[in-house]
Amino acid sequence: MARYELPISDPTPDLSPTAARILEAAKRVLAADGFRALTFEKIAAEAGENPALIRYHFGSKAGLITTLIDSVMYLESVELIEQLTSVPPGDERRRALFRLHERYARDTASYQMFYEIVPHIMRDEDLRPHLRDLFDWYRKLDAWALGAGEGVQPPKQLEPLALLTVALADGVALQVQADPDLDIGPAFDIWRTLVFGYLAAGGASPSGDA
């Protein structure tokens, strides 16, 4: 699936030891105290470094946040690709997609940082395109996984369905953040049944009106 390679790369191999310490410190500050606590002073204190080094290594807070997003999302995204490409196309891959979405929705630790940072990204004109590209990639990946063939180009009719699939997964994950004991299994069962029914009725075909 070369066309759907990640729009992000793992930033950590290119970081100096000092920059890597700063990045890990920023993750700890974000997880413990939220986005508002991501000041150069607090991150530097957590990392045991001079605040000026953050600007030196990352250029700005936006540069640090971009690297932080990529670092948090990269491994999860790579795992998603590997899991989906390891199963045959068609119903088996579609079922794998739903299993992965359900599993990630239950991963409160990962989504906590994501939801903590997203509102601030949406208000930042420099960061918003980065998030847009990431969501675009997830929609394309879902459309590809929902498709029936090996080709990397899914039917155009699958794009709205992929949008809904990503929206459902993120929306359920948000509710799990509020209530970790929420039973989301039945909701995913219903969604899977609806999607399979839509596809079986020709929803992914050029003339499908289902």
N, C-alpha and C. Protein backbone atom coordinates (compact mmCIF):
# COMPACT_ATOMS: atom_id res chain seq x y z
N MET A 1 0.83 -1.19 0.00
CA MET A 1 0.00 0.00 0.00
C MET A 1 0.87 1.25 0.00
N ALA A 2 1.70 1.35 -1.03
CA ALA A 2 2.67 2.44 -1.09
C ALA A 2 2.00 3.81 -1.10
N ARG A 3 0.85 3.92 -1.73
CA ARG A 3 0.19 5.23 -1.82
C ARG A 3 -0.27 5.73 -0.47
N TYR A 4 -0.40 4.86 0.50
CA TYR A 4 -0.89 5.28 1.80
C TYR A 4 0.19 5.18 2.86
N GLU A 5 1.39 5.48 2.45
CA GLU A 5 2.46 5.56 3.44
C GLU A 5 2.15 6.69 4.40
N LEU A 6 2.70 6.58 5.58
CA LEU A 6 2.42 7.57 6.62
C LEU A 6 2.82 8.97 6.19
N PRO A 7 1.98 9.98 6.53
CA PRO A 7 2.38 11.35 6.26
C PRO A 7 3.35 11.86 7.32
N ILE A 8 3.63 11.02 8.30
CA ILE A 8 4.57 11.37 9.36
C ILE A 8 5.66 10.31 9.40
N SER A 9 6.76 10.67 9.99
CA SER A 9 7.86 9.72 10.17
C SER A 9 8.26 9.72 11.63
N ASP A 10 8.99 8.72 12.02
CA ASP A 10 9.46 8.63 13.39
C ASP A 10 10.54 9.69 13.59
N PRO A 11 10.30 10.70 14.42
CA PRO A 11 11.29 11.77 14.58
C PRO A 11 12.44 11.41 15.49
N THR A 12 12.29 10.36 16.29
CA THR A 12 13.28 10.10 17.35
C THR A 12 14.68 9.73 16.85
N PRO A 13 14.84 8.97 15.74
CA PRO A 13 16.21 8.64 15.32
C PRO A 13 17.05 9.86 14.96
N ASP A 14 16.39 10.95 14.55
CA ASP A 14 17.13 12.14 14.13
C ASP A 14 17.40 13.11 15.27
N LEU A 15 16.90 12.81 16.45
CA LEU A 15 17.07 13.71 17.58
C LEU A 15 18.40 13.45 18.29
N SER A 16 19.01 14.53 18.75
CA SER A 16 20.19 14.39 19.59
C SER A 16 19.76 13.86 20.95
N PRO A 17 20.68 13.35 21.77
CA PRO A 17 20.29 12.89 23.11
C PRO A 17 19.59 13.96 23.92
N THR A 18 20.05 15.21 23.80
CA THR A 18 19.41 16.30 24.54
C THR A 18 17.98 16.53 24.06
N ALA A 19 17.79 16.58 22.72
CA ALA A 19 16.45 16.77 22.17
C ALA A 19 15.52 15.62 22.54
N ALA A 20 16.05 14.40 22.56
CA ALA A 20 15.24 13.24 22.94
C ALA A 20 14.79 13.35 24.39
N ARG A 21 15.67 13.82 25.26
CA ARG A 21 15.29 14.01 26.67
C ARG A 21 14.21 15.08 26.80
N ILE A 22 14.34 16.14 26.03
CA ILE A 22 13.34 17.21 26.07
C ILE A 22 11.99 16.68 25.59
N LEU A 23 12.00 15.91 24.52
CA LEU A 23 10.75 15.36 23.98
C LEU A 23 10.06 14.44 24.98
N GLU A 24 10.82 13.56 25.61
CA GLU A 24 10.24 12.67 26.60
C GLU A 24 9.72 13.44 27.80
N ALA A 25 10.43 14.50 28.18
CA ALA A 25 9.97 15.36 29.28
C ALA A 25 8.66 16.04 28.90
N ALA A 26 8.54 16.49 27.65
CA ALA A 26 7.30 17.13 27.20
C ALA A 26 6.14 16.14 27.25
N LYS A 27 6.37 14.90 26.89
CA LYS A 27 5.32 13.88 26.98
C LYS A 27 4.86 13.70 28.42
N ARG A 28 5.82 13.65 29.34
CA ARG A 28 5.46 13.47 30.76
C ARG A 28 4.67 14.67 31.28
N VAL A 29 5.07 15.86 30.90
CA VAL A 29 4.36 17.07 31.34
C VAL A 29 2.95 17.07 30.77
N LEU A 30 2.81 16.74 29.49
CA LEU A 30 1.50 16.72 28.85
C LEU A 30 0.59 15.70 29.52
N ALA A 31 1.11 14.50 29.78
CA ALA A 31 0.31 13.44 30.40
C ALA A 31 -0.11 13.80 31.82
N ALA A 32 0.79 14.45 32.54
CA ALA A 32 0.52 14.74 33.95
C ALA A 32 -0.31 16.01 34.15
N ASP A 33 -0.04 17.04 33.37
CA ASP A 33 -0.62 18.36 33.66
C ASP A 33 -1.36 19.01 32.51
N GLY A 34 -1.39 18.38 31.34
CA GLY A 34 -2.15 18.94 30.24
C GLY A 34 -1.37 19.92 29.38
N PHE A 35 -2.07 20.38 28.33
CA PHE A 35 -1.41 21.21 27.32
C PHE A 35 -0.93 22.54 27.88
N ARG A 36 -1.71 23.15 28.77
CA ARG A 36 -1.34 24.46 29.29
C ARG A 36 -0.01 24.43 30.05
N ALA A 37 0.35 23.26 30.52
CA ALA A 37 1.61 23.13 31.27
C ALA A 37 2.82 23.01 30.36
N LEU A 38 2.60 22.91 29.05
CA LEU A 38 3.72 22.74 28.12
C LEU A 38 4.44 24.06 27.85
N THR A 39 5.04 24.59 28.88
CA THR A 39 5.86 25.79 28.75
C THR A 39 7.32 25.36 28.66
N PHE A 40 8.13 26.20 28.04
CA PHE A 40 9.54 25.89 27.94
C PHE A 40 10.16 25.70 29.32
N GLU A 41 9.72 26.53 30.27
CA GLU A 41 10.29 26.46 31.62
C GLU A 41 9.96 25.14 32.30
N LYS A 42 8.69 24.71 32.19
CA LYS A 42 8.29 23.47 32.86
C LYS A 42 8.93 22.25 32.19
N ILE A 43 8.97 22.27 30.87
CA ILE A 43 9.58 21.15 30.15
C ILE A 43 11.06 21.07 30.45
N ALA A 44 11.71 22.23 30.45
CA ALA A 44 13.15 22.25 30.73
C ALA A 44 13.44 21.75 32.14
N ALA A 45 12.61 22.15 33.11
CA ALA A 45 12.80 21.68 34.48
C ALA A 45 12.62 20.17 34.56
N GLU A 46 11.63 19.64 33.85
CA GLU A 46 11.38 18.20 33.85
C GLU A 46 12.54 17.44 33.19
N ALA A 47 13.12 18.06 32.15
CA ALA A 47 14.22 17.40 31.41
C ALA A 47 15.58 17.64 32.06
N GLY A 48 15.65 18.62 32.97
CA GLY A 48 16.95 18.97 33.57
C GLY A 48 17.84 19.70 32.57
N GLU A 49 17.21 20.49 31.69
CA GLU A 49 17.95 21.21 30.66
C GLU A 49 17.63 22.70 30.73
N ASN A 50 18.42 23.50 30.01
CA ASN A 50 18.19 24.94 29.91
C ASN A 50 17.02 25.20 28.95
N PRO A 51 16.07 26.09 29.30
CA PRO A 51 14.94 26.37 28.40
C PRO A 51 15.37 26.80 27.00
N ALA A 52 16.51 27.48 26.90
CA ALA A 52 16.97 27.94 25.59
C ALA A 52 17.26 26.78 24.65
N LEU A 53 17.57 25.62 25.21
CA LEU A 53 17.88 24.45 24.38
C LEU A 53 16.64 23.93 23.65
N ILE A 54 15.46 24.18 24.21
CA ILE A 54 14.24 23.73 23.54
C ILE A 54 14.07 24.48 22.22
N ARG A 55 14.25 25.81 22.28
CA ARG A 55 14.16 26.60 21.06
C ARG A 55 15.28 26.23 20.08
N TYR A 56 16.44 25.93 20.61
CA TYR A 56 17.57 25.57 19.76
C TYR A 56 17.29 24.28 18.98
N HIS A 57 16.72 23.28 19.67
CA HIS A 57 16.49 21.98 19.03
C HIS A 57 15.19 21.90 18.24
N PHE A 58 14.16 22.66 18.67
CA PHE A 58 12.84 22.51 18.03
C PHE A 58 12.36 23.78 17.34
N GLY A 59 13.06 24.88 17.52
CA GLY A 59 12.73 26.12 16.84
C GLY A 59 11.65 26.95 17.51
N SER A 60 10.58 26.33 17.93
CA SER A 60 9.44 27.02 18.53
C SER A 60 8.60 26.00 19.26
N LYS A 61 7.57 26.49 19.95
CA LYS A 61 6.65 25.57 20.61
C LYS A 61 5.90 24.75 19.56
N ALA A 62 5.56 25.39 18.42
CA ALA A 62 4.88 24.65 17.35
C ALA A 62 5.76 23.52 16.84
N GLY A 63 7.06 23.78 16.72
CA GLY A 63 7.98 22.74 16.28
C GLY A 63 8.05 21.59 17.26
N LEU A 64 8.05 21.92 18.54
CA LEU A 64 8.06 20.88 19.58
C LEU A 64 6.76 20.08 19.55
N ILE A 65 5.62 20.78 19.41
CA ILE A 65 4.32 20.09 19.39
C ILE A 65 4.21 19.18 18.18
N THR A 66 4.69 19.64 17.01
CA THR A 66 4.65 18.80 15.81
C THR A 66 5.45 17.52 16.02
N THR A 67 6.64 17.66 16.59
CA THR A 67 7.47 16.48 16.86
C THR A 67 6.79 15.58 17.89
N LEU A 68 6.14 16.17 18.86
CA LEU A 68 5.44 15.40 19.90
C LEU A 68 4.30 14.61 19.28
N ILE A 69 3.51 15.24 18.41
CA ILE A 69 2.41 14.55 17.75
C ILE A 69 2.93 13.36 16.94
N ASP A 70 3.97 13.63 16.14
CA ASP A 70 4.51 12.57 15.30
C ASP A 70 5.03 11.41 16.13
N SER A 71 5.69 11.73 17.23
CA SER A 71 6.25 10.69 18.07
C SER A 71 5.16 9.82 18.70
N VAL A 72 4.08 10.48 19.16
CA VAL A 72 2.99 9.75 19.81
C VAL A 72 2.23 8.89 18.80
N MET A 73 2.00 9.43 17.59
CA MET A 73 1.16 8.76 16.62
C MET A 73 1.91 7.75 15.76
N TYR A 74 3.21 7.88 15.63
CA TYR A 74 3.94 7.09 14.65
C TYR A 74 3.83 5.58 14.93
N LEU A 75 4.20 5.16 16.11
CA LEU A 75 4.23 3.73 16.39
C LEU A 75 2.84 3.10 16.28
N GLU A 76 1.83 3.82 16.75
CA GLU A 76 0.47 3.30 16.66
C GLU A 76 0.04 3.16 15.20
N SER A 77 0.42 4.15 14.39
CA SER A 77 0.04 4.12 12.97
C SER A 77 0.75 2.99 12.23
N VAL A 78 2.03 2.79 12.54
CA VAL A 78 2.78 1.70 11.91
C VAL A 78 2.16 0.36 12.28
N GLU A 79 1.78 0.21 13.54
CA GLU A 79 1.15 -1.04 13.97
C GLU A 79 -0.16 -1.26 13.22
N LEU A 80 -0.92 -0.18 13.01
CA LEU A 80 -2.19 -0.29 12.29
C LEU A 80 -1.96 -0.81 10.88
N ILE A 81 -0.97 -0.26 10.19
CA ILE A 81 -0.66 -0.71 8.83
C ILE A 81 -0.24 -2.18 8.84
N GLU A 82 0.65 -2.53 9.75
CA GLU A 82 1.16 -3.90 9.78
C GLU A 82 0.04 -4.90 10.06
N GLN A 83 -0.85 -4.55 10.97
CA GLN A 83 -1.95 -5.46 11.30
C GLN A 83 -2.88 -5.65 10.11
N LEU A 84 -3.17 -4.57 9.39
CA LEU A 84 -4.11 -4.66 8.28
C LEU A 84 -3.51 -5.35 7.06
N THR A 85 -2.24 -5.11 6.80
CA THR A 85 -1.62 -5.74 5.64
C THR A 85 -1.28 -7.20 5.88
N SER A 86 -1.40 -7.65 7.12
CA SER A 86 -1.08 -9.05 7.42
C SER A 86 -2.24 -10.00 7.16
N VAL A 87 -3.42 -9.45 6.83
CA VAL A 87 -4.59 -10.29 6.57
C VAL A 87 -5.07 -10.07 5.14
N PRO A 88 -5.74 -11.07 4.55
CA PRO A 88 -6.20 -10.95 3.16
C PRO A 88 -7.25 -9.84 3.02
N PRO A 89 -7.35 -9.25 1.82
CA PRO A 89 -8.38 -8.23 1.59
C PRO A 89 -9.77 -8.84 1.63
N GLY A 90 -10.76 -7.98 1.76
CA GLY A 90 -12.13 -8.44 1.83
C GLY A 90 -12.64 -8.44 3.26
N ASP A 91 -13.54 -9.37 3.56
CA ASP A 91 -14.19 -9.37 4.87
C ASP A 91 -13.20 -9.55 6.02
N GLU A 92 -12.16 -10.35 5.82
CA GLU A 92 -11.21 -10.58 6.91
C GLU A 92 -10.50 -9.28 7.28
N ARG A 93 -10.09 -8.51 6.28
CA ARG A 93 -9.41 -7.25 6.56
C ARG A 93 -10.38 -6.23 7.15
N ARG A 94 -11.62 -6.25 6.70
CA ARG A 94 -12.63 -5.35 7.25
C ARG A 94 -12.86 -5.65 8.73
N ARG A 95 -12.95 -6.93 9.05
CA ARG A 95 -13.13 -7.30 10.46
C ARG A 95 -11.92 -6.88 11.29
N ALA A 96 -10.73 -7.03 10.71
CA ALA A 96 -9.51 -6.62 11.41
C ALA A 96 -9.53 -5.12 11.68
N LEU A 97 -10.02 -4.34 10.72
CA LEU A 97 -10.11 -2.88 10.90
C LEU A 97 -10.99 -2.54 12.09
N PHE A 98 -12.14 -3.19 12.20
CA PHE A 98 -13.05 -2.90 13.31
C PHE A 98 -12.46 -3.34 14.64
N ARG A 99 -11.78 -4.48 14.65
CA ARG A 99 -11.13 -4.93 15.89
C ARG A 99 -10.09 -3.92 16.35
N LEU A 100 -9.32 -3.40 15.41
CA LEU A 100 -8.28 -2.44 15.76
C LEU A 100 -8.88 -1.14 16.26
N HIS A 101 -9.92 -0.66 15.58
CA HIS A 101 -10.58 0.57 16.03
C HIS A 101 -11.12 0.41 17.45
N GLU A 102 -11.72 -0.75 17.72
CA GLU A 102 -12.27 -0.97 19.06
C GLU A 102 -11.15 -1.03 20.10
N ARG A 103 -10.06 -1.70 19.74
CA ARG A 103 -8.94 -1.81 20.68
C ARG A 103 -8.33 -0.44 20.98
N TYR A 104 -8.14 0.35 19.94
CA TYR A 104 -7.55 1.68 20.15
C TYR A 104 -8.50 2.59 20.92
N ALA A 105 -9.81 2.42 20.71
CA ALA A 105 -10.76 3.25 21.45
C ALA A 105 -10.69 2.98 22.95
N ARG A 106 -10.28 1.78 23.31
CA ARG A 106 -10.15 1.43 24.73
C ARG A 106 -8.81 1.89 25.32
N ASP A 107 -7.89 2.33 24.46
CA ASP A 107 -6.55 2.73 24.92
C ASP A 107 -6.60 4.16 25.45
N THR A 108 -7.06 4.29 26.68
CA THR A 108 -7.26 5.63 27.24
C THR A 108 -5.97 6.42 27.37
N ALA A 109 -4.86 5.76 27.62
CA ALA A 109 -3.59 6.47 27.81
C ALA A 109 -3.17 7.21 26.54
N SER A 110 -3.24 6.52 25.40
CA SER A 110 -2.85 7.15 24.13
C SER A 110 -3.81 8.26 23.75
N TYR A 111 -5.10 7.99 23.85
CA TYR A 111 -6.08 8.99 23.45
C TYR A 111 -6.10 10.19 24.39
N GLN A 112 -5.69 10.02 25.65
CA GLN A 112 -5.68 11.14 26.58
C GLN A 112 -4.80 12.27 26.05
N MET A 113 -3.59 11.93 25.61
CA MET A 113 -2.69 12.95 25.08
C MET A 113 -3.25 13.54 23.79
N PHE A 114 -3.84 12.69 22.96
CA PHE A 114 -4.39 13.16 21.68
C PHE A 114 -5.50 14.17 21.93
N TYR A 115 -6.44 13.85 22.80
CA TYR A 115 -7.56 14.75 23.05
C TYR A 115 -7.13 15.98 23.84
N GLU A 116 -6.09 15.86 24.61
CA GLU A 116 -5.57 17.02 25.33
C GLU A 116 -5.01 18.06 24.38
N ILE A 117 -4.40 17.60 23.32
CA ILE A 117 -3.67 18.50 22.44
C ILE A 117 -4.46 18.98 21.23
N VAL A 118 -5.46 18.21 20.79
CA VAL A 118 -6.20 18.53 19.56
C VAL A 118 -6.87 19.91 19.60
N PRO A 119 -7.59 20.29 20.67
CA PRO A 119 -8.24 21.62 20.64
C PRO A 119 -7.27 22.76 20.41
N HIS A 120 -6.07 22.63 20.92
CA HIS A 120 -5.08 23.69 20.76
C HIS A 120 -4.49 23.68 19.35
N ILE A 121 -4.35 22.49 18.77
CA ILE A 121 -3.89 22.40 17.39
C ILE A 121 -4.89 23.07 16.46
N MET A 122 -6.18 22.86 16.72
CA MET A 122 -7.22 23.41 15.85
C MET A 122 -7.22 24.93 15.84
N ARG A 123 -6.69 25.56 16.90
CA ARG A 123 -6.64 27.01 16.96
C ARG A 123 -5.31 27.58 16.45
N ASP A 124 -4.41 26.70 16.04
CA ASP A 124 -3.09 27.13 15.60
C ASP A 124 -2.98 26.92 14.08
N GLU A 125 -2.86 28.01 13.33
CA GLU A 125 -2.83 27.91 11.87
C GLU A 125 -1.61 27.14 11.36
N ASP A 126 -0.53 27.13 12.14
CA ASP A 126 0.67 26.40 11.71
C ASP A 126 0.54 24.90 11.94
N LEU A 127 -0.19 24.52 12.99
CA LEU A 127 -0.30 23.11 13.35
C LEU A 127 -1.50 22.43 12.70
N ARG A 128 -2.54 23.19 12.40
CA ARG A 128 -3.77 22.58 11.89
C ARG A 128 -3.58 21.77 10.61
N PRO A 129 -2.77 22.25 9.64
CA PRO A 129 -2.56 21.42 8.43
C PRO A 129 -1.93 20.07 8.73
N HIS A 130 -1.11 20.01 9.77
CA HIS A 130 -0.48 18.74 10.14
C HIS A 130 -1.55 17.74 10.59
N LEU A 131 -2.48 18.21 11.40
CA LEU A 131 -3.56 17.34 11.85
C LEU A 131 -4.49 16.97 10.69
N ARG A 132 -4.73 17.92 9.79
CA ARG A 132 -5.55 17.65 8.62
C ARG A 132 -4.95 16.52 7.79
N ASP A 133 -3.65 16.56 7.56
CA ASP A 133 -3.00 15.53 6.77
C ASP A 133 -3.06 14.17 7.46
N LEU A 134 -2.96 14.18 8.78
CA LEU A 134 -3.02 12.92 9.52
C LEU A 134 -4.41 12.29 9.42
N PHE A 135 -5.45 13.11 9.58
CA PHE A 135 -6.81 12.59 9.45
C PHE A 135 -7.07 12.11 8.02
N ASP A 136 -6.56 12.86 7.04
CA ASP A 136 -6.73 12.45 5.65
C ASP A 136 -6.12 11.07 5.42
N TRP A 137 -4.95 10.85 6.01
CA TRP A 137 -4.30 9.55 5.87
C TRP A 137 -5.13 8.45 6.51
N TYR A 138 -5.68 8.70 7.70
CA TYR A 138 -6.49 7.68 8.37
C TYR A 138 -7.73 7.34 7.55
N ARG A 139 -8.36 8.35 6.96
CA ARG A 139 -9.54 8.07 6.13
C ARG A 139 -9.16 7.23 4.91
N LYS A 140 -8.04 7.55 4.29
CA LYS A 140 -7.61 6.77 3.13
C LYS A 140 -7.27 5.34 3.53
N LEU A 141 -6.64 5.18 4.69
CA LEU A 141 -6.31 3.83 5.15
C LEU A 141 -7.58 3.03 5.40
N ASP A 142 -8.58 3.66 6.04
CA ASP A 142 -9.84 2.96 6.30
C ASP A 142 -10.55 2.60 5.00
N ALA A 143 -10.56 3.52 4.05
CA ALA A 143 -11.19 3.23 2.76
C ALA A 143 -10.48 2.07 2.07
N TRP A 144 -9.17 2.06 2.14
CA TRP A 144 -8.40 0.96 1.55
C TRP A 144 -8.73 -0.37 2.22
N ALA A 145 -8.80 -0.37 3.57
CA ALA A 145 -9.09 -1.60 4.30
C ALA A 145 -10.52 -2.08 4.05
N LEU A 146 -11.44 -1.15 3.82
CA LEU A 146 -12.83 -1.52 3.56
C LEU A 146 -13.03 -2.02 2.14
N GLY A 147 -12.09 -1.71 1.25
CA GLY A 147 -12.18 -2.17 -0.13
C GLY A 147 -11.99 -3.66 -0.24
N ALA A 148 -12.38 -4.20 -1.36
CA ALA A 148 -12.36 -5.66 -1.52
C ALA A 148 -11.10 -6.19 -2.17
N GLY A 149 -10.35 -5.34 -2.87
CA GLY A 149 -9.22 -5.84 -3.66
C GLY A 149 -7.87 -5.47 -3.07
N GLU A 150 -6.82 -5.94 -3.75
CA GLU A 150 -5.45 -5.67 -3.31
C GLU A 150 -4.98 -4.29 -3.74
N GLY A 151 -5.63 -3.69 -4.75
CA GLY A 151 -5.17 -2.40 -5.25
C GLY A 151 -5.20 -1.33 -4.18
N VAL A 152 -4.34 -0.33 -4.33
CA VAL A 152 -4.25 0.71 -3.31
C VAL A 152 -5.32 1.78 -3.50
N GLN A 153 -5.99 1.79 -4.64
CA GLN A 153 -7.01 2.81 -4.88
C GLN A 153 -8.40 2.26 -4.57
N PRO A 154 -9.02 2.69 -3.46
CA PRO A 154 -10.36 2.19 -3.13
C PRO A 154 -11.41 2.90 -3.98
N PRO A 155 -12.59 2.30 -4.11
CA PRO A 155 -13.67 2.98 -4.83
C PRO A 155 -13.98 4.33 -4.18
N LYS A 156 -14.32 5.31 -5.01
CA LYS A 156 -14.64 6.65 -4.51
C LYS A 156 -15.78 6.61 -3.51
N GLN A 157 -16.71 5.67 -3.72
CA GLN A 157 -17.88 5.57 -2.85
C GLN A 157 -17.53 5.18 -1.42
N LEU A 158 -16.31 4.69 -1.19
CA LEU A 158 -15.93 4.29 0.16
C LEU A 158 -15.41 5.46 1.01
N GLU A 159 -15.14 6.59 0.37
CA GLU A 159 -14.58 7.70 1.13
C GLU A 159 -15.52 8.23 2.22
N PRO A 160 -16.83 8.43 1.94
CA PRO A 160 -17.73 8.87 3.00
C PRO A 160 -17.86 7.83 4.13
N LEU A 161 -17.85 6.55 3.74
CA LEU A 161 -17.94 5.49 4.75
C LEU A 161 -16.69 5.50 5.64
N ALA A 162 -15.53 5.72 5.05
CA ALA A 162 -14.30 5.79 5.82
C ALA A 162 -14.32 7.00 6.76
N LEU A 163 -14.86 8.11 6.29
CA LEU A 163 -14.98 9.29 7.15
C LEU A 163 -15.81 8.97 8.39
N LEU A 164 -16.94 8.29 8.17
CA LEU A 164 -17.80 7.92 9.30
C LEU A 164 -17.11 6.92 10.23
N THR A 165 -16.34 6.01 9.66
CA THR A 165 -15.65 5.00 10.48
C THR A 165 -14.63 5.66 11.40
N VAL A 166 -13.85 6.59 10.86
CA VAL A 166 -12.87 7.30 11.68
C VAL A 166 -13.58 8.15 12.74
N ALA A 167 -14.66 8.82 12.33
CA ALA A 167 -15.41 9.65 13.28
C ALA A 167 -16.00 8.82 14.41
N LEU A 168 -16.54 7.65 14.07
CA LEU A 168 -17.11 6.78 15.10
C LEU A 168 -16.04 6.34 16.09
N ALA A 169 -14.90 5.90 15.57
CA ALA A 169 -13.85 5.40 16.45
C ALA A 169 -13.37 6.50 17.40
N ASP A 170 -13.15 7.71 16.87
CA ASP A 170 -12.67 8.80 17.71
C ASP A 170 -13.74 9.24 18.70
N GLY A 171 -14.99 9.26 18.25
CA GLY A 171 -16.07 9.66 19.14
C GLY A 171 -16.28 8.68 20.28
N VAL A 172 -16.19 7.38 19.98
CA VAL A 172 -16.30 6.38 21.04
C VAL A 172 -15.13 6.49 22.01
N ALA A 173 -13.94 6.71 21.46
CA ALA A 173 -12.75 6.84 22.31
C ALA A 173 -12.90 8.02 23.27
N LEU A 174 -13.51 9.11 22.81
CA LEU A 174 -13.74 10.26 23.68
C LEU A 174 -14.66 9.91 24.84
N GLN A 175 -15.71 9.13 24.55
CA GLN A 175 -16.63 8.71 25.61
C GLN A 175 -15.95 7.76 26.60
N VAL A 176 -15.04 6.93 26.09
CA VAL A 176 -14.29 6.03 26.98
C VAL A 176 -13.37 6.84 27.90
N GLN A 177 -12.86 7.97 27.39
CA GLN A 177 -12.05 8.84 28.25
C GLN A 177 -12.86 9.30 29.46
N ALA A 178 -14.13 9.61 29.22
CA ALA A 178 -15.00 10.07 30.30
C ALA A 178 -15.46 8.93 31.20
N ASP A 179 -15.60 7.73 30.62
CA ASP A 179 -16.10 6.57 31.37
C ASP A 179 -15.33 5.33 30.93
N PRO A 180 -14.18 5.04 31.55
CA PRO A 180 -13.37 3.89 31.14
C PRO A 180 -14.07 2.55 31.25
N ASP A 181 -15.15 2.48 32.03
CA ASP A 181 -15.89 1.22 32.18
C ASP A 181 -17.01 1.07 31.15
N LEU A 182 -17.13 2.02 30.24
CA LEU A 182 -18.18 1.97 29.24
C LEU A 182 -18.05 0.72 28.38
N ASP A 183 -19.15 0.01 28.17
CA ASP A 183 -19.15 -1.21 27.34
C ASP A 183 -19.37 -0.79 25.89
N ILE A 184 -18.28 -0.76 25.10
CA ILE A 184 -18.38 -0.29 23.72
C ILE A 184 -18.53 -1.44 22.72
N GLY A 185 -18.41 -2.67 23.20
CA GLY A 185 -18.50 -3.82 22.30
C GLY A 185 -19.78 -3.86 21.49
N PRO A 186 -20.97 -3.73 22.13
CA PRO A 186 -22.22 -3.78 21.36
C PRO A 186 -22.32 -2.69 20.30
N ALA A 187 -21.81 -1.49 20.59
CA ALA A 187 -21.85 -0.41 19.61
C ALA A 187 -21.02 -0.76 18.38
N PHE A 188 -19.85 -1.35 18.58
CA PHE A 188 -19.03 -1.75 17.45
C PHE A 188 -19.67 -2.91 16.69
N ASP A 189 -20.36 -3.80 17.40
CA ASP A 189 -21.08 -4.89 16.72
C ASP A 189 -22.13 -4.33 15.77
N ILE A 190 -22.88 -3.33 16.25
CA ILE A 190 -23.92 -2.71 15.41
C ILE A 190 -23.29 -2.01 14.21
N TRP A 191 -22.23 -1.25 14.46
CA TRP A 191 -21.58 -0.52 13.38
C TRP A 191 -21.01 -1.46 12.32
N ARG A 192 -20.41 -2.55 12.77
CA ARG A 192 -19.85 -3.54 11.85
C ARG A 192 -20.98 -4.15 11.00
N THR A 193 -22.09 -4.48 11.64
CA THR A 193 -23.22 -5.06 10.91
C THR A 193 -23.76 -4.08 9.86
N LEU A 194 -23.87 -2.81 10.23
CA LEU A 194 -24.36 -1.80 9.30
C LEU A 194 -23.41 -1.64 8.11
N VAL A 195 -22.12 -1.61 8.38
CA VAL A 195 -21.14 -1.42 7.31
C VAL A 195 -21.14 -2.62 6.37
N PHE A 196 -21.14 -3.83 6.94
CA PHE A 196 -21.14 -5.03 6.09
C PHE A 196 -22.42 -5.09 5.26
N GLY A 197 -23.53 -4.68 5.85
CA GLY A 197 -24.79 -4.66 5.10
C GLY A 197 -24.75 -3.64 3.97
N TYR A 198 -24.17 -2.49 4.24
CA TYR A 198 -24.04 -1.45 3.22
C TYR A 198 -23.18 -1.93 2.06
N LEU A 199 -22.07 -2.57 2.39
CA LEU A 199 -21.17 -3.07 1.34
C LEU A 199 -21.84 -4.20 0.55
N ALA A 200 -22.54 -5.08 1.26
CA ALA A 200 -23.19 -6.20 0.58
C ALA A 200 -24.30 -5.72 -0.36
N ALA A 201 -24.89 -4.56 -0.04
CA ALA A 201 -25.96 -4.02 -0.87
C ALA A 201 -25.43 -3.21 -2.04
N GLY A 202 -24.09 -3.18 -2.17
CA GLY A 202 -23.51 -2.49 -3.31
C GLY A 202 -23.08 -1.07 -3.03
N GLY A 203 -22.92 -0.75 -1.77
CA GLY A 203 -22.53 0.61 -1.39
C GLY A 203 -21.16 1.02 -1.89
N ALA A 204 -20.30 0.06 -2.20
CA ALA A 204 -18.96 0.40 -2.66
C ALA A 204 -18.84 0.34 -4.18
N SER A 205 -19.93 0.01 -4.86
CA SER A 205 -19.87 -0.07 -6.32
C SER A 205 -20.21 1.28 -6.93
N PRO A 206 -19.73 1.57 -8.13
CA PRO A 206 -19.98 2.88 -8.72
C PRO A 206 -21.44 3.24 -8.84
N SER A 207 -22.32 2.23 -8.99
CA SER A 207 -23.74 2.50 -9.15
C SER A 207 -24.52 2.24 -7.87
N GLY A 208 -23.78 1.94 -6.76
CA GLY A 208 -24.46 1.59 -5.53
C GLY A 208 -25.17 2.79 -4.90
N ASP A 209 -26.43 2.61 -4.57
CA ASP A 209 -27.20 3.67 -3.93
C ASP A 209 -27.54 3.32 -2.49
N ALA A 210 -27.02 2.16 -1.99
CA ALA A 210 -27.41 1.71 -0.67
C ALA A 210 -26.81 2.57 0.39
